[in-house]
Protein backbone atom coordinates (compact mmCIF):
# COMPACT_ATOMS: atom_id res chain seq x y z
CA MET A 1 -2.22 -3.61 -0.57
CA HIS A 2 -1.11 -2.60 -4.04
CA ILE A 3 -0.56 0.90 -5.48
CA VAL A 4 -2.14 1.28 -8.89
CA VAL A 5 -1.46 4.00 -11.49
CA GLY A 6 -4.07 4.64 -14.17
CA THR A 7 -2.90 6.35 -17.34
CA ALA A 8 -4.46 8.06 -20.30
CA ALA A 9 -2.84 5.77 -22.91
CA THR A 10 -1.38 2.59 -21.39
CA LEU A 11 -4.09 1.27 -19.10
CA ALA A 12 -3.10 0.59 -15.47
CA TRP A 13 0.07 -0.44 -13.68
CA SER A 14 0.39 -2.08 -10.29
CA SER A 15 3.18 -2.38 -7.76
CA THR A 16 3.33 -4.72 -4.75
CA ASP A 17 6.79 -3.52 -3.52
CA LEU A 18 6.12 0.20 -2.93
CA GLY A 19 6.90 1.22 -6.47
CA GLU A 20 10.25 -0.49 -7.02
CA THR A 21 8.75 -2.67 -9.78
CA TRP A 22 5.52 -2.42 -11.80
CA THR A 23 3.23 -4.75 -13.70
CA ARG A 24 1.00 -3.63 -16.53
CA LEU A 25 -2.60 -4.88 -16.19
CA THR A 26 -3.78 -5.55 -19.74
CA LYS A 27 -5.55 -8.88 -19.96
CA GLY A 28 -9.03 -8.56 -21.31
CA LEU A 29 -8.99 -4.87 -22.20
CA TYR A 30 -7.75 -2.72 -25.10
CA PRO A 31 -4.18 -1.88 -24.07
CA GLN A 32 -4.50 1.83 -24.80
CA MET A 33 -7.71 2.32 -22.87
CA PRO A 34 -7.60 5.37 -20.50
CA ILE A 35 -8.07 4.66 -16.81
CA TRP A 36 -9.70 7.76 -15.31
CA ALA A 37 -10.56 6.47 -11.83
CA ILE A 38 -9.94 3.51 -9.52
CA SER A 39 -11.80 2.20 -6.45
CA SER A 40 -11.64 -0.89 -4.23
CA HIS A 41 -13.16 -2.14 -0.99
CA PRO A 42 -11.54 -4.14 1.81
CA ARG A 43 -14.44 -6.61 1.78
CA ARG A 44 -13.79 -7.34 -1.89
CA PRO A 45 -10.05 -8.15 -1.75
CA ASP A 46 -10.05 -10.07 -5.00
CA GLU A 47 -10.99 -7.15 -7.25
CA PHE A 48 -10.97 -3.44 -7.95
CA LEU A 49 -12.94 -1.22 -10.33
CA ALA A 50 -11.78 1.23 -12.97
CA GLY A 51 -13.58 4.04 -14.78
CA THR A 52 -12.70 3.91 -18.53
CA ASP A 53 -13.84 5.47 -21.79
CA GLU A 54 -16.23 2.53 -22.13
CA GLY A 55 -17.90 2.43 -18.73
CA VAL A 56 -16.75 0.55 -15.59
CA TYR A 57 -14.42 -2.43 -15.69
CA ARG A 58 -13.42 -4.81 -12.93
CA TRP A 59 -9.95 -6.31 -12.47
CA ARG A 60 -9.73 -9.75 -10.85
CA GLY A 61 -6.06 -10.62 -11.13
CA HIS A 62 -3.96 -11.91 -14.02
CA GLU A 63 -5.79 -15.23 -14.32
CA LEU A 64 -9.13 -13.48 -14.99
CA GLY A 65 -8.09 -9.97 -15.98
CA TRP A 66 -10.56 -7.27 -16.89
CA ASP A 67 -14.31 -7.74 -17.35
CA ALA A 68 -16.94 -5.12 -18.23
CA LEU A 69 -19.72 -4.28 -15.85
CA HIS A 70 -22.28 -3.91 -18.63
CA CYS A 71 -24.74 -1.04 -18.16
CA ASP A 72 -26.62 1.63 -20.03
CA PHE A 73 -23.56 3.87 -19.92
CA SER A 74 -20.99 1.35 -21.22
CA ASP A 75 -20.18 3.64 -24.15
CA THR A 76 -19.66 6.65 -21.89
CA PRO A 77 -16.41 7.79 -20.28
CA VAL A 78 -16.45 7.21 -16.50
CA TRP A 79 -14.23 9.75 -14.75
CA ALA A 80 -15.16 8.79 -11.15
CA VAL A 81 -16.12 5.61 -9.36
CA ALA A 82 -16.46 4.81 -5.66
CA HIS A 83 -17.47 2.11 -3.29
CA SER A 84 -19.48 2.93 -0.21
CA PRO A 85 -17.32 2.18 2.88
CA HIS A 86 -20.52 0.92 4.55
CA ASP A 87 -21.57 -1.53 1.81
CA PRO A 88 -19.18 -3.04 -0.82
CA ASP A 89 -22.11 -3.59 -3.14
CA LEU A 90 -23.11 0.08 -3.24
CA LEU A 91 -21.29 1.83 -6.07
CA ILE A 92 -21.54 5.33 -7.54
CA ALA A 93 -20.08 6.17 -10.96
CA GLY A 94 -19.74 9.61 -12.49
CA THR A 95 -19.53 10.21 -16.23
CA ARG A 96 -18.59 12.70 -18.89
CA LYS A 97 -20.61 13.51 -22.03
CA PRO A 98 -23.07 13.61 -20.43
CA ALA A 99 -22.11 14.54 -16.85
CA SER A 100 -24.25 12.21 -14.83
CA LEU A 101 -24.28 9.96 -11.77
CA PHE A 102 -25.25 6.30 -11.73
CA ARG A 103 -25.76 3.90 -8.74
CA SER A 104 -25.52 0.20 -8.35
CA LYS A 105 -26.76 -1.58 -5.25
CA ASP A 106 -25.60 -5.04 -6.31
CA GLY A 107 -21.90 -4.72 -6.93
CA GLY A 108 -22.23 -3.44 -10.51
CA ARG A 109 -24.64 -5.94 -12.04
CA ASN A 110 -27.39 -3.37 -12.37
CA TRP A 111 -27.23 0.44 -12.49
CA GLU A 112 -29.68 3.31 -12.27
CA TRP A 113 -29.41 6.92 -13.31
CA LEU A 114 -29.51 9.42 -10.42
CA PRO A 115 -31.41 12.72 -10.63
CA ALA A 116 -28.44 15.13 -10.35
CA ARG A 117 -29.17 17.35 -13.33
CA MET A 118 -25.68 18.62 -14.06
CA ALA A 119 -24.64 21.06 -16.77
CA GLN A 120 -24.11 19.34 -20.11
CA ARG A 121 -21.98 21.96 -21.85
CA CYS A 122 -19.49 24.52 -20.62
CA ARG A 123 -17.13 27.04 -22.11
CA TYR A 124 -13.77 25.62 -21.11
CA VAL A 125 -13.91 21.81 -21.31
CA ASN A 126 -16.95 21.58 -23.62
CA TYR A 127 -18.46 18.67 -21.75
CA PRO A 128 -18.46 18.74 -17.91
CA ARG A 129 -17.37 15.63 -16.07
CA VAL A 130 -17.67 14.22 -12.58
CA THR A 131 -14.15 14.21 -11.12
CA ARG A 132 -14.52 12.57 -7.74
CA ILE A 133 -17.14 10.88 -5.56
CA VAL A 134 -16.82 10.66 -1.77
CA PHE A 135 -18.94 8.78 0.70
CA ASP A 136 -19.18 10.08 4.25
CA PRO A 137 -17.59 7.45 6.53
CA ASP A 138 -19.87 8.44 9.40
CA ASP A 139 -23.17 8.82 7.58
CA PRO A 140 -24.15 6.01 5.12
CA LEU A 141 -26.65 8.33 3.40
CA ALA A 142 -24.30 11.21 2.69
CA ILE A 143 -22.50 11.34 -0.67
CA TRP A 144 -20.49 14.11 -2.33
CA ALA A 145 -19.47 14.68 -5.93
CA SER A 146 -17.17 17.20 -7.52
CA VAL A 147 -17.81 18.32 -11.10
CA GLU A 148 -15.52 19.96 -13.66
CA ILE A 149 -17.22 22.35 -14.40
CA ASP A 150 -20.44 22.49 -12.47
CA GLY A 151 -19.62 22.87 -8.75
CA VAL A 152 -20.17 20.58 -5.80
CA TRP A 153 -23.11 18.19 -5.47
CA ARG A 154 -24.39 16.54 -2.29
CA SER A 155 -26.91 13.84 -1.47
CA ARG A 156 -28.28 13.26 2.01
CA ASP A 157 -30.43 10.24 1.12
CA GLY A 158 -28.01 7.76 -0.39
CA GLY A 159 -28.18 9.25 -3.88
CA ASP A 160 -31.94 9.49 -4.41
CA THR A 161 -31.84 13.28 -4.57
CA TRP A 162 -28.97 15.81 -5.07
CA GLN A 163 -28.35 19.48 -4.33
CA ARG A 164 -25.80 21.76 -6.04
CA LEU A 165 -23.69 23.75 -3.54
CA VAL A 166 -21.72 26.70 -4.97
CA ASP A 167 -22.31 29.63 -2.58
CA GLY A 168 -18.90 31.31 -2.05
CA LEU A 169 -16.92 29.31 -4.60
CA LYS A 170 -14.62 31.48 -6.74
CA SER A 171 -14.92 28.89 -9.47
CA HIS A 172 -17.28 26.01 -10.31
CA ASP A 173 -14.36 24.09 -11.83
CA ILE A 174 -14.02 21.49 -9.12
CA HIS A 175 -11.20 18.94 -9.53
CA GLY A 176 -11.27 17.09 -6.19
CA ILE A 177 -13.03 16.87 -2.92
CA THR A 178 -12.25 15.43 0.55
CA LEU A 179 -13.97 15.25 3.94
CA VAL A 180 -11.70 16.35 6.81
CA PRO A 181 -11.94 13.96 9.81
CA GLY A 182 -12.69 15.50 13.17
CA ARG A 183 -13.93 18.81 11.86
CA ARG A 184 -16.99 18.07 9.73
CA ARG A 185 -15.18 20.12 7.17
CA VAL A 186 -15.32 19.68 3.38
CA MET A 187 -12.47 20.84 1.15
CA VAL A 188 -12.34 21.14 -2.62
CA ALA A 189 -9.55 21.77 -5.16
CA THR A 190 -10.45 24.19 -8.00
CA ASP A 191 -8.65 26.09 -10.75
CA GLU A 192 -8.92 29.13 -8.44
CA GLY A 193 -7.35 27.47 -5.39
CA LEU A 194 -8.54 25.50 -2.40
CA HIS A 195 -11.93 26.16 -0.72
CA CYS A 196 -13.46 24.83 2.44
CA SER A 197 -16.86 24.59 4.03
CA ASP A 198 -17.72 24.15 7.69
CA ASP A 199 -21.48 24.02 7.22
CA GLU A 200 -21.91 20.88 5.05
CA GLY A 201 -21.30 22.72 1.81
CA GLU A 202 -23.92 25.43 2.27
CA THR A 203 -21.21 28.11 2.00
CA TRP A 204 -17.56 28.07 0.91
CA ARG A 205 -14.52 30.23 1.51
CA PRO A 206 -11.15 30.33 -0.21
CA VAL A 207 -8.08 28.98 1.62
CA PRO A 208 -4.85 30.52 0.40
CA ILE A 209 -1.64 28.68 -0.52
CA ASP A 210 1.69 30.37 -1.28
CA SER A 211 2.04 29.61 -4.99
CA PRO A 212 2.38 31.74 -8.13
CA ALA A 213 -0.55 29.74 -9.65
CA ALA A 214 -3.91 29.17 -7.99
CA TYR A 215 -4.59 25.92 -9.90
CA THR A 216 -5.12 23.00 -7.50
CA ARG A 217 -5.90 19.49 -8.70
CA SER A 218 -6.60 17.37 -5.61
CA VAL A 219 -6.86 17.51 -1.84
CA ASN A 220 -6.69 14.46 0.45
CA ALA A 221 -6.91 13.81 4.15
CA VAL A 222 -4.55 11.21 5.64
CA ALA A 223 -6.36 8.53 7.63
CA GLY A 224 -5.07 8.04 11.15
CA VAL A 225 -3.39 11.44 11.54
CA PRO A 226 -5.89 14.09 12.71
CA GLY A 227 -5.52 17.34 10.83
CA LEU A 228 -3.06 16.08 8.15
CA LEU A 229 -3.93 16.90 4.53
CA PHE A 230 -2.10 17.20 1.26
CA ALA A 231 -3.00 19.37 -1.78
CA THR A 232 -1.53 19.33 -5.27
CA ASN A 233 -0.78 22.47 -7.30
CA GLY A 234 0.67 23.58 -10.61
CA ASP A 235 0.20 25.98 -13.53
CA GLY A 236 -2.68 24.16 -15.20
CA PRO A 237 -3.57 20.97 -16.95
CA PRO A 238 -1.14 19.35 -17.56
CA GLY A 239 1.09 22.34 -16.70
CA SER A 240 4.86 22.77 -16.87
CA TRP A 241 5.68 22.71 -13.16
CA GLY A 242 4.04 21.56 -9.94
CA ARG A 243 4.08 21.90 -6.15
CA LEU A 244 2.90 19.83 -3.21
CA PHE A 245 1.39 21.41 -0.05
CA ARG A 246 0.72 20.06 3.42
CA SER A 247 -1.57 21.12 6.20
CA THR A 248 -1.33 19.88 9.82
CA ASP A 249 -4.30 21.89 11.13
CA HIS A 250 -7.26 20.48 9.25
CA GLY A 251 -6.64 22.73 6.24
CA ASP A 252 -6.55 26.14 7.98
CA SER A 253 -2.99 26.81 6.74
CA TRP A 254 -0.65 25.25 4.21
CA SER A 255 3.07 24.96 3.69
CA GLU A 256 5.01 23.75 0.62
CA VAL A 257 6.65 20.32 0.74
CA GLU A 258 10.10 19.99 -0.75
CA LEU A 259 10.12 17.49 -3.57
CA PRO A 260 13.22 15.51 -4.57
CA VAL A 261 13.09 16.78 -8.20
CA ARG A 262 11.52 19.56 -10.16
CA ALA A 263 7.99 18.45 -10.98
CA ASN A 264 7.68 18.20 -14.78
CA SER A 265 3.97 19.23 -14.68
CA THR A 266 1.21 19.89 -12.22
CA VAL A 267 1.34 17.59 -9.20
CA TRP A 268 -1.82 15.66 -9.92
CA LYS A 269 -2.68 13.35 -7.02
CA VAL A 270 -1.60 12.16 -3.60
CA ALA A 271 -2.48 8.66 -2.42
CA PRO A 272 -2.07 8.08 1.36
CA HIS A 273 -1.95 4.41 2.40
CA PRO A 274 -5.31 3.60 4.09
CA GLY A 275 -3.67 1.51 6.79
CA ASP A 276 -0.26 3.20 7.29
CA PRO A 277 -0.17 7.01 7.38
CA MET A 278 3.61 6.92 7.01
CA ILE A 279 3.35 5.72 3.41
CA LEU A 280 2.18 8.09 0.68
CA PHE A 281 2.54 8.24 -3.07
CA ALA A 282 2.26 11.30 -5.32
CA CYS A 283 2.35 11.77 -9.06
CA THR A 284 2.56 14.48 -11.67
CA ALA A 285 0.33 14.75 -14.75
CA TYR A 286 3.26 13.84 -16.98
CA GLY A 287 4.16 10.63 -15.21
CA GLN A 288 6.60 11.22 -12.39
CA VAL A 289 5.90 9.16 -9.28
CA MET A 290 7.21 9.99 -5.78
CA ARG A 291 7.02 8.11 -2.52
CA SER A 292 7.25 9.12 1.13
CA LEU A 293 7.84 6.63 3.98
CA ASP A 294 7.76 9.18 6.80
CA GLY A 295 4.30 10.70 6.58
CA GLY A 296 5.11 13.13 3.80
CA ALA A 297 8.07 14.94 5.35
CA ASN A 298 10.57 13.55 2.80
CA TRP A 299 10.02 12.19 -0.67
CA THR A 300 11.91 10.00 -3.15
CA LYS A 301 11.33 10.03 -6.91
CA LEU A 302 10.86 6.52 -8.28
CA GLU A 303 12.78 5.34 -11.29
CA ARG A 304 9.74 4.31 -13.27
CA GLU A 305 7.85 7.05 -15.08
CA PHE A 306 4.50 6.83 -16.90
CA GLY A 307 3.24 8.94 -19.80
CA ASP A 308 0.08 10.73 -18.76
CA ILE A 309 -1.24 9.77 -15.26
CA ARG A 310 -4.91 10.27 -14.49
CA SER A 311 -5.48 8.15 -11.36
CA LEU A 312 -3.43 6.92 -8.42
CA GLU A 313 -4.97 4.74 -5.72
CA TRP A 314 -4.28 2.01 -3.24
CA VAL A 315 -6.29 -1.13 -3.86
CA HIS A 316 -7.27 -3.95 -1.50
CA MET A 317 -6.07 -6.85 -3.58
CA GLY A 318 -5.65 -10.31 -2.11
CA VAL A 319 -4.95 -11.99 -5.46
CA GLN A 320 -1.30 -11.55 -6.37
CA LEU A 321 -0.69 -9.58 -9.55
């Protein structure tokens, strides 16, 4: 697998050696295109998808490079994209301006608008955007979406219909969402801290972390280690400092993780390796990248820094970059 960094101004970068060296992925796409989101599927090891300011693009290795998945929203920023773990041809994309969801059932050749009628304007970011899409690994029909700023949305029928779930949320500014294995728990990261739900999103409650700022940007469960989660924190977007938190009890309690350097901005994202829970990457909004090889207990800052990171994901690439 490769670790891929998506940036706001220099496209995407990939590493095949755990971050020691990096290759910029530019062929076929404007080199300053923002990469807001990344998704791949193990049954499509020759490609991965990226959400850009001009719809969804697909990377197929240096020989082929990027190609656009043309659709009705090709001129719309895509801030979230996800493959169904149950079907590599089932894709959901989430957009900004307008905030909407789109579905493809044929690997991106055709797309349809989904009836999740999200807010189109808001006070703080002007135009709401879908920040993350998560498929339930146990239920092929259950899909979740987080929206900045319009709460949590859930579908129980594969995306045909959607319900907005905000009861108990201190804020509707939702930056990230994860499903906690083994507990049927859902957790979200908001500008007012972490929240969790134990009733499929019907109600939410705040989960405290020991930080001078409530702002949280992402929350991720680690596959293969029951109860292990990581959450990122800082003093805003992009912020001037950041912290990383870890839970070993399914998100009930959280402790700060010591980082190897002072974070130069909000810690933005954590990317656990899907097949090896000992390997994790983390990044800050202003481009620092850190790596753990012992399950998140200890971290090393990598030499390479990137300008403005917006996505950090492992991709199932069989074609060498």
